[in-house]
Amino acid sequence: MTKASADPIRSLRQAGAVLKARRASRKISQKQLGEMTGTAQSTISDIENGVVSVSLDVYLRLLEALGAELSATDRIADPVQR
């Protein structure tokens, strides 16, 4: 069993990009994801573009529908900042 890769999320834009990449890799449209989660397609578009902040509950529902989950890890220091 291989460990799934983790995508660091440190901003709304990164959260949206992760959501979009996971949705696209599963070949699910924004409309389909919206129907699966009770979220408007326009809201999903805004989330993916990093222009709107949604509740954690909404983000978790979207991730669950895409077979993903949220986890927290220690931040790895950027070698450039040392």
PDB file of N, CA and C in Angstrom:
ATOM      1  N   MET A   1       0.842  -1.180   0.000  1.00  0.00           N
ATOM      2  CA  MET A   1       0.000   0.000   0.000  1.00  0.00           C
ATOM      3  C   MET A   1       0.888   1.244   0.000  1.00  0.00           C
ATOM      4  N   THR A   2       0.626   2.164  -0.892  1.00  0.00           N
ATOM      5  CA  THR A   2       1.418   3.375  -0.949  1.00  0.00           C
ATOM      6  C   THR A   2       0.682   4.503  -0.266  1.00  0.00           C
ATOM      7  N   LYS A   3       1.449   5.385   0.326  1.00  0.00           N
ATOM      8  CA  LYS A   3       0.870   6.537   1.002  1.00  0.00           C
ATOM      9  C   LYS A   3       0.526   7.596  -0.044  1.00  0.00           C
ATOM     10  N   ALA A   4      -0.666   8.151   0.064  1.00  0.00           N
ATOM     11  CA  ALA A   4      -1.090   9.196  -0.869  1.00  0.00           C
ATOM     12  C   ALA A   4      -0.243  10.442  -0.643  1.00  0.00           C
ATOM     13  N   SER A   5       0.010  11.161  -1.715  1.00  0.00           N
ATOM     14  CA  SER A   5       0.802  12.370  -1.577  1.00  0.00           C
ATOM     15  C   SER A   5      -0.028  13.453  -0.893  1.00  0.00           C
ATOM     16  N   ALA A   6       0.641  14.262  -0.104  1.00  0.00           N
ATOM     17  CA  ALA A   6      -0.026  15.354   0.601  1.00  0.00           C
ATOM     18  C   ALA A   6       0.253  16.655  -0.129  1.00  0.00           C
ATOM     19  N   ASP A   7      -0.768  17.458  -0.237  1.00  0.00           N
ATOM     20  CA  ASP A   7      -0.631  18.761  -0.862  1.00  0.00           C
ATOM     21  C   ASP A   7      -0.657  19.815   0.230  1.00  0.00           C
ATOM     22  N   PRO A   8       0.432  20.596   0.379  1.00  0.00           N
ATOM     23  CA  PRO A   8       0.409  21.618   1.428  1.00  0.00           C
ATOM     24  C   PRO A   8      -0.608  22.710   1.084  1.00  0.00           C
ATOM     25  N   ILE A   9      -1.383  23.096   2.080  1.00  0.00           N
ATOM     26  CA  ILE A   9      -2.374  24.145   1.888  1.00  0.00           C
ATOM     27  C   ILE A   9      -2.108  25.227   2.919  1.00  0.00           C
ATOM     28  N   ARG A  10      -1.714  26.379   2.424  1.00  0.00           N
ATOM     29  CA  ARG A  10      -1.398  27.499   3.314  1.00  0.00           C
ATOM     30  C   ARG A  10      -2.155  28.764   2.935  1.00  0.00           C
ATOM     31  N   SER A  11      -3.073  28.644   1.963  1.00  0.00           N
ATOM     32  CA  SER A  11      -3.855  29.806   1.541  1.00  0.00           C
ATOM     33  C   SER A  11      -5.147  29.324   0.884  1.00  0.00           C
ATOM     34  N   LEU A  12      -6.086  30.251   0.721  1.00  0.00           N
ATOM     35  CA  LEU A  12      -7.330  29.917   0.023  1.00  0.00           C
ATOM     36  C   LEU A  12      -7.044  29.470  -1.406  1.00  0.00           C
ATOM     37  N   ARG A  13      -6.092  30.126  -2.050  1.00  0.00           N
ATOM     38  CA  ARG A  13      -5.749  29.785  -3.430  1.00  0.00           C
ATOM     39  C   ARG A  13      -5.220  28.354  -3.517  1.00  0.00           C
ATOM     40  N   GLN A  14      -4.358  27.967  -2.585  1.00  0.00           N
ATOM     41  CA  GLN A  14      -3.821  26.604  -2.587  1.00  0.00           C
ATOM     42  C   GLN A  14      -4.923  25.590  -2.285  1.00  0.00           C
ATOM     43  N   ALA A  15      -5.825  25.909  -1.363  1.00  0.00           N
ATOM     44  CA  ALA A  15      -6.940  25.013  -1.047  1.00  0.00           C
ATOM     45  C   ALA A  15      -7.801  24.795  -2.287  1.00  0.00           C
ATOM     46  N   GLY A  16      -8.057  25.870  -3.015  1.00  0.00           N
ATOM     47  CA  GLY A  16      -8.845  25.771  -4.233  1.00  0.00           C
ATOM     48  C   GLY A  16      -8.154  24.956  -5.309  1.00  0.00           C
ATOM     49  N   ALA A  17      -6.839  25.143  -5.429  1.00  0.00           N
ATOM     50  CA  ALA A  17      -6.077  24.412  -6.440  1.00  0.00           C
ATOM     51  C   ALA A  17      -6.074  22.908  -6.144  1.00  0.00           C
ATOM     52  N   VAL A  18      -5.961  22.551  -4.875  1.00  0.00           N
ATOM     53  CA  VAL A  18      -5.986  21.136  -4.489  1.00  0.00           C
ATOM     54  C   VAL A  18      -7.352  20.544  -4.808  1.00  0.00           C
ATOM     55  N   LEU A  19      -8.398  21.259  -4.440  1.00  0.00           N
ATOM     56  CA  LEU A  19      -9.752  20.782  -4.709  1.00  0.00           C
ATOM     57  C   LEU A  19      -9.962  20.593  -6.213  1.00  0.00           C
ATOM     58  N   LYS A  20      -9.544  21.572  -6.999  1.00  0.00           N
ATOM     59  CA  LYS A  20      -9.715  21.503  -8.451  1.00  0.00           C
ATOM     60  C   LYS A  20      -8.943  20.328  -9.052  1.00  0.00           C
ATOM     61  N   ALA A  21      -7.706  20.139  -8.608  1.00  0.00           N
ATOM     62  CA  ALA A  21      -6.877  19.045  -9.134  1.00  0.00           C
ATOM     63  C   ALA A  21      -7.495  17.686  -8.806  1.00  0.00           C
ATOM     64  N   ARG A  22      -7.988  17.529  -7.599  1.00  0.00           N
ATOM     65  CA  ARG A  22      -8.597  16.256  -7.207  1.00  0.00           C
ATOM     66  C   ARG A  22      -9.892  16.019  -7.976  1.00  0.00           C
ATOM     67  N   ARG A  23     -10.668  17.081  -8.170  1.00  0.00           N
ATOM     68  CA  ARG A  23     -11.915  16.950  -8.925  1.00  0.00           C
ATOM     69  C   ARG A  23     -11.617  16.573 -10.370  1.00  0.00           C
ATOM     70  N   ALA A  24     -10.655  17.258 -10.964  1.00  0.00           N
ATOM     71  CA  ALA A  24     -10.307  16.997 -12.365  1.00  0.00           C
ATOM     72  C   ALA A  24      -9.741  15.584 -12.544  1.00  0.00           C
ATOM     73  N   SER A  25      -8.945  15.129 -11.583  1.00  0.00           N
ATOM     74  CA  SER A  25      -8.356  13.790 -11.708  1.00  0.00           C
ATOM     75  C   SER A  25      -9.423  12.695 -11.650  1.00  0.00           C
ATOM     76  N   ARG A  26     -10.542  13.009 -11.054  1.00  0.00           N
ATOM     77  CA  ARG A  26     -11.653  12.051 -10.986  1.00  0.00           C
ATOM     78  C   ARG A  26     -12.680  12.282 -12.085  1.00  0.00           C
ATOM     79  N   LYS A  27     -12.368  13.226 -12.962  1.00  0.00           N
ATOM     80  CA  LYS A  27     -13.234  13.540 -14.102  1.00  0.00           C
ATOM     81  C   LYS A  27     -14.666  13.869 -13.671  1.00  0.00           C
ATOM     82  N   ILE A  28     -14.746  14.697 -12.630  1.00  0.00           N
ATOM     83  CA  ILE A  28     -16.032  15.150 -12.113  1.00  0.00           C
ATOM     84  C   ILE A  28     -16.150  16.645 -12.420  1.00  0.00           C
ATOM     85  N   SER A  29     -17.262  17.041 -12.990  1.00  0.00           N
ATOM     86  CA  SER A  29     -17.466  18.463 -13.281  1.00  0.00           C
ATOM     87  C   SER A  29     -17.837  19.205 -11.999  1.00  0.00           C
ATOM     88  N   GLN A  30     -17.718  20.518 -12.042  1.00  0.00           N
ATOM     89  CA  GLN A  30     -18.146  21.337 -10.904  1.00  0.00           C
ATOM     90  C   GLN A  30     -19.630  21.109 -10.630  1.00  0.00           C
ATOM     91  N   LYS A  31     -20.411  21.002 -11.686  1.00  0.00           N
ATOM     92  CA  LYS A  31     -21.848  20.778 -11.529  1.00  0.00           C
ATOM     93  C   LYS A  31     -22.110  19.447 -10.834  1.00  0.00           C
ATOM     94  N   GLN A  32     -21.410  18.396 -11.265  1.00  0.00           N
ATOM     95  CA  GLN A  32     -21.594  17.078 -10.648  1.00  0.00           C
ATOM     96  C   GLN A  32     -21.199  17.101  -9.170  1.00  0.00           C
ATOM     97  N   LEU A  33     -20.073  17.744  -8.863  1.00  0.00           N
ATOM     98  CA  LEU A  33     -19.631  17.837  -7.471  1.00  0.00           C
ATOM     99  C   LEU A  33     -20.654  18.614  -6.644  1.00  0.00           C
ATOM    100  N   GLY A  34     -21.195  19.652  -7.231  1.00  0.00           N
ATOM    101  CA  GLY A  34     -22.224  20.423  -6.545  1.00  0.00           C
ATOM    102  C   GLY A  34     -23.454  19.587  -6.239  1.00  0.00           C
ATOM    103  N   GLU A  35     -23.865  18.780  -7.197  1.00  0.00           N
ATOM    104  CA  GLU A  35     -25.021  17.907  -6.992  1.00  0.00           C
ATOM    105  C   GLU A  35     -24.740  16.858  -5.918  1.00  0.00           C
ATOM    106  N   MET A  36     -23.513  16.372  -5.864  1.00  0.00           N
ATOM    107  CA  MET A  36     -23.133  15.358  -4.884  1.00  0.00           C
ATOM    108  C   MET A  36     -23.112  15.916  -3.463  1.00  0.00           C
ATOM    109  N   THR A  37     -22.849  17.217  -3.334  1.00  0.00           N
ATOM    110  CA  THR A  37     -22.619  17.808  -2.013  1.00  0.00           C
ATOM    111  C   THR A  37     -23.640  18.868  -1.613  1.00  0.00           C
ATOM    112  N   GLY A  38     -24.556  19.203  -2.509  1.00  0.00           N
ATOM    113  CA  GLY A  38     -25.517  20.248  -2.202  1.00  0.00           C
ATOM    114  C   GLY A  38     -24.902  21.638  -2.198  1.00  0.00           C
ATOM    115  N   THR A  39     -23.871  21.800  -3.027  1.00  0.00           N
ATOM    116  CA  THR A  39     -23.160  23.076  -3.126  1.00  0.00           C
ATOM    117  C   THR A  39     -23.353  23.634  -4.532  1.00  0.00           C
ATOM    118  N   ALA A  40     -23.617  24.917  -4.636  1.00  0.00           N
ATOM    119  CA  ALA A  40     -23.821  25.531  -5.947  1.00  0.00           C
ATOM    120  C   ALA A  40     -22.550  25.447  -6.786  1.00  0.00           C
ATOM    121  N   GLN A  41     -22.712  25.213  -8.087  1.00  0.00           N
ATOM    122  CA  GLN A  41     -21.567  25.150  -9.013  1.00  0.00           C
ATOM    123  C   GLN A  41     -20.770  26.438  -8.950  1.00  0.00           C
ATOM    124  N   SER A  42     -21.441  27.574  -8.845  1.00  0.00           N
ATOM    125  CA  SER A  42     -20.735  28.855  -8.799  1.00  0.00           C
ATOM    126  C   SER A  42     -19.880  28.973  -7.534  1.00  0.00           C
ATOM    127  N   THR A  43     -20.345  28.392  -6.438  1.00  0.00           N
ATOM    128  CA  THR A  43     -19.556  28.403  -5.201  1.00  0.00           C
ATOM    129  C   THR A  43     -18.310  27.546  -5.366  1.00  0.00           C
ATOM    130  N   ILE A  44     -18.451  26.390  -5.998  1.00  0.00           N
ATOM    131  CA  ILE A  44     -17.293  25.526  -6.238  1.00  0.00           C
ATOM    132  C   ILE A  44     -16.278  26.246  -7.111  1.00  0.00           C
ATOM    133  N   SER A  45     -16.747  26.950  -8.129  1.00  0.00           N
ATOM    134  CA  SER A  45     -15.851  27.724  -8.983  1.00  0.00           C
ATOM    135  C   SER A  45     -15.108  28.786  -8.166  1.00  0.00           C
ATOM    136  N   ASP A  46     -15.831  29.489  -7.312  1.00  0.00           N
ATOM    137  CA  ASP A  46     -15.202  30.525  -6.475  1.00  0.00           C
ATOM    138  C   ASP A  46     -14.182  29.916  -5.514  1.00  0.00           C
ATOM    139  N   ILE A  47     -14.493  28.754  -4.942  1.00  0.00           N
ATOM    140  CA  ILE A  47     -13.549  28.074  -4.046  1.00  0.00           C
ATOM    141  C   ILE A  47     -12.293  27.695  -4.811  1.00  0.00           C
ATOM    142  N   GLU A  48     -12.468  27.092  -5.985  1.00  0.00           N
ATOM    143  CA  GLU A  48     -11.320  26.644  -6.783  1.00  0.00           C
ATOM    144  C   GLU A  48     -10.449  27.809  -7.234  1.00  0.00           C
ATOM    145  N   ASN A  49     -11.032  28.977  -7.389  1.00  0.00           N
ATOM    146  CA  ASN A  49     -10.266  30.155  -7.800  1.00  0.00           C
ATOM    147  C   ASN A  49      -9.726  30.945  -6.617  1.00  0.00           C
ATOM    148  N   GLY A  50     -10.004  30.472  -5.403  1.00  0.00           N
ATOM    149  CA  GLY A  50      -9.465  31.111  -4.206  1.00  0.00           C
ATOM    150  C   GLY A  50     -10.055  32.472  -3.908  1.00  0.00           C
ATOM    151  N   VAL A  51     -11.264  32.713  -4.382  1.00  0.00           N
ATOM    152  CA  VAL A  51     -11.852  34.048  -4.191  1.00  0.00           C
ATOM    153  C   VAL A  51     -12.921  34.075  -3.106  1.00  0.00           C
ATOM    154  N   VAL A  52     -13.220  32.922  -2.519  1.00  0.00           N
ATOM    155  CA  VAL A  52     -14.227  32.884  -1.462  1.00  0.00           C
ATOM    156  C   VAL A  52     -13.773  31.931  -0.374  1.00  0.00           C
ATOM    157  N   SER A  53     -14.069  32.289   0.853  1.00  0.00           N
ATOM    158  CA  SER A  53     -13.782  31.430   1.987  1.00  0.00           C
ATOM    159  C   SER A  53     -15.084  30.762   2.397  1.00  0.00           C
ATOM    160  N   VAL A  54     -15.073  29.452   2.515  1.00  0.00           N
ATOM    161  CA  VAL A  54     -16.269  28.719   2.934  1.00  0.00           C
ATOM    162  C   VAL A  54     -15.997  28.089   4.290  1.00  0.00           C
ATOM    163  N   SER A  55     -17.053  27.641   4.922  1.00  0.00           N
ATOM    164  CA  SER A  55     -16.890  26.988   6.217  1.00  0.00           C
ATOM    165  C   SER A  55     -16.094  25.700   6.056  1.00  0.00           C
ATOM    166  N   LEU A  56     -15.496  25.294   7.133  1.00  0.00           N
ATOM    167  CA  LEU A  56     -14.745  24.038   7.126  1.00  0.00           C
ATOM    168  C   LEU A  56     -15.672  22.883   6.786  1.00  0.00           C
ATOM    169  N   ASP A  57     -16.903  22.953   7.247  1.00  0.00           N
ATOM    170  CA  ASP A  57     -17.885  21.909   6.962  1.00  0.00           C
ATOM    171  C   ASP A  57     -18.078  21.729   5.457  1.00  0.00           C
ATOM    172  N   VAL A  58     -18.210  22.814   4.722  1.00  0.00           N
ATOM    173  CA  VAL A  58     -18.395  22.740   3.263  1.00  0.00           C
ATOM    174  C   VAL A  58     -17.157  22.130   2.618  1.00  0.00           C
ATOM    175  N   TYR A  59     -15.979  22.612   3.004  1.00  0.00           N
ATOM    176  CA  TYR A  59     -14.737  22.093   2.410  1.00  0.00           C
ATOM    177  C   TYR A  59     -14.593  20.596   2.694  1.00  0.00           C
ATOM    178  N   LEU A  60     -14.924  20.177   3.911  1.00  0.00           N
ATOM    179  CA  LEU A  60     -14.835  18.755   4.258  1.00  0.00           C
ATOM    180  C   LEU A  60     -15.815  17.920   3.443  1.00  0.00           C
ATOM    181  N   ARG A  61     -17.019  18.430   3.202  1.00  0.00           N
ATOM    182  CA  ARG A  61     -17.990  17.703   2.372  1.00  0.00           C
ATOM    183  C   ARG A  61     -17.475  17.540   0.951  1.00  0.00           C
ATOM    184  N   LEU A  62     -16.850  18.597   0.415  1.00  0.00           N
ATOM    185  CA  LEU A  62     -16.301  18.522  -0.937  1.00  0.00           C
ATOM    186  C   LEU A  62     -15.169  17.492  -1.003  1.00  0.00           C
ATOM    187  N   LEU A  63     -14.271  17.547  -0.016  1.00  0.00           N
ATOM    188  CA  LEU A  63     -13.174  16.579   0.009  1.00  0.00           C
ATOM    189  C   LEU A  63     -13.688  15.155   0.147  1.00  0.00           C
ATOM    190  N   GLU A  64     -14.661  14.949   1.021  1.00  0.00           N
ATOM    191  CA  GLU A  64     -15.211  13.608   1.212  1.00  0.00           C
ATOM    192  C   GLU A  64     -15.800  13.069  -0.091  1.00  0.00           C
ATOM    193  N   ALA A  65     -16.513  13.906  -0.824  1.00  0.00           N
ATOM    194  CA  ALA A  65     -17.107  13.490  -2.097  1.00  0.00           C
ATOM    195  C   ALA A  65     -16.032  13.113  -3.112  1.00  0.00           C
ATOM    196  N   LEU A  66     -14.832  13.666  -2.950  1.00  0.00           N
ATOM    197  CA  LEU A  66     -13.728  13.380  -3.863  1.00  0.00           C
ATOM    198  C   LEU A  66     -12.804  12.284  -3.330  1.00  0.00           C
ATOM    199  N   GLY A  67     -13.201  11.668  -2.217  1.00  0.00           N
ATOM    200  CA  GLY A  67     -12.387  10.584  -1.660  1.00  0.00           C
ATOM    201  C   GLY A  67     -11.130  11.070  -0.984  1.00  0.00           C
ATOM    202  N   ALA A  68     -11.148  12.284  -0.477  1.00  0.00           N
ATOM    203  CA  ALA A  68      -9.973  12.863   0.182  1.00  0.00           C
ATOM    204  C   ALA A  68     -10.358  13.280   1.596  1.00  0.00           C
ATOM    205  N   GLU A  69      -9.366  13.612   2.385  1.00  0.00           N
ATOM    206  CA  GLU A  69      -9.618  14.094   3.733  1.00  0.00           C
ATOM    207  C   GLU A  69      -8.608  15.165   4.091  1.00  0.00           C
ATOM    208  N   LEU A  70      -8.922  15.902   5.110  1.00  0.00           N
ATOM    209  CA  LEU A  70      -8.065  16.973   5.600  1.00  0.00           C
ATOM    210  C   LEU A  70      -7.222  16.446   6.747  1.00  0.00           C
ATOM    211  N   SER A  71      -5.945  16.772   6.767  1.00  0.00           N
ATOM    212  CA  SER A  71      -5.094  16.393   7.892  1.00  0.00           C
ATOM    213  C   SER A  71      -4.125  17.533   8.174  1.00  0.00           C
ATOM    214  N   ALA A  72      -3.605  17.552   9.376  1.00  0.00           N
ATOM    215  CA  ALA A  72      -2.653  18.584   9.773  1.00  0.00           C
ATOM    216  C   ALA A  72      -1.307  17.931  10.062  1.00  0.00           C
ATOM    217  N   THR A  73      -0.253  18.556   9.588  1.00  0.00           N
ATOM    218  CA  THR A  73       1.099  18.065   9.829  1.00  0.00           C
ATOM    219  C   THR A  73       1.977  19.232  10.252  1.00  0.00           C
ATOM    220  N   ASP A  74       3.120  18.915  10.804  1.00  0.00           N
ATOM    221  CA  ASP A  74       4.075  19.963  11.132  1.00  0.00           C
ATOM    222  C   ASP A  74       4.587  20.576   9.835  1.00  0.00           C
ATOM    223  N   ARG A  75       4.738  21.861   9.832  1.00  0.00           N
ATOM    224  CA  ARG A  75       5.239  22.549   8.654  1.00  0.00           C
ATOM    225  C   ARG A  75       6.741  22.295   8.525  1.00  0.00           C
ATOM    226  N   ILE A  76       7.139  21.939   7.338  1.00  0.00           N
ATOM    227  CA  ILE A  76       8.553  21.721   7.042  1.00  0.00           C
ATOM    228  C   ILE A  76       9.146  23.055   6.670  1.00  0.00           C
ATOM    229  N   ALA A  77      10.257  23.401   7.332  1.00  0.00           N
ATOM    230  CA  ALA A  77      10.901  24.681   7.068  1.00  0.00           C
ATOM    231  C   ALA A  77      11.404  24.737   5.638  1.00  0.00           C
ATOM    232  N   ASP A  78      11.220  25.872   5.010  1.00  0.00           N
ATOM    233  CA  ASP A  78      11.707  26.097   3.652  1.00  0.00           C
ATOM    234  C   ASP A  78      13.212  26.278   3.726  1.00  0.00           C
ATOM    235  N   PRO A  79      14.002  25.451   3.006  1.00  0.00           N
ATOM    236  CA  PRO A  79      15.459  25.550   3.071  1.00  0.00           C
ATOM    237  C   PRO A  79      15.982  26.913   2.662  1.00  0.00           C
ATOM    238  N   VAL A  80      15.234  27.636   1.838  1.00  0.00           N
ATOM    239  CA  VAL A  80      15.681  28.959   1.404  1.00  0.00           C
ATOM    240  C   VAL A  80      15.618  29.951   2.549  1.00  0.00           C
ATOM    241  N   GLN A  81      14.706  29.748   3.495  1.00  0.00           N
ATOM    242  CA  GLN A  81      14.516  30.683   4.601  1.00  0.00           C
ATOM    243  C   GLN A  81      15.449  30.426   5.772  1.00  0.00           C
ATOM    244  N   ARG A  82      16.264  29.392   5.708  1.00  0.00           N
ATOM    245  CA  ARG A  82      17.161  29.075   6.830  1.00  0.00           C
ATOM    246  C   ARG A  82      18.295  30.033   6.933  1.00  0.00           C
TER     247      ARG A  82
END
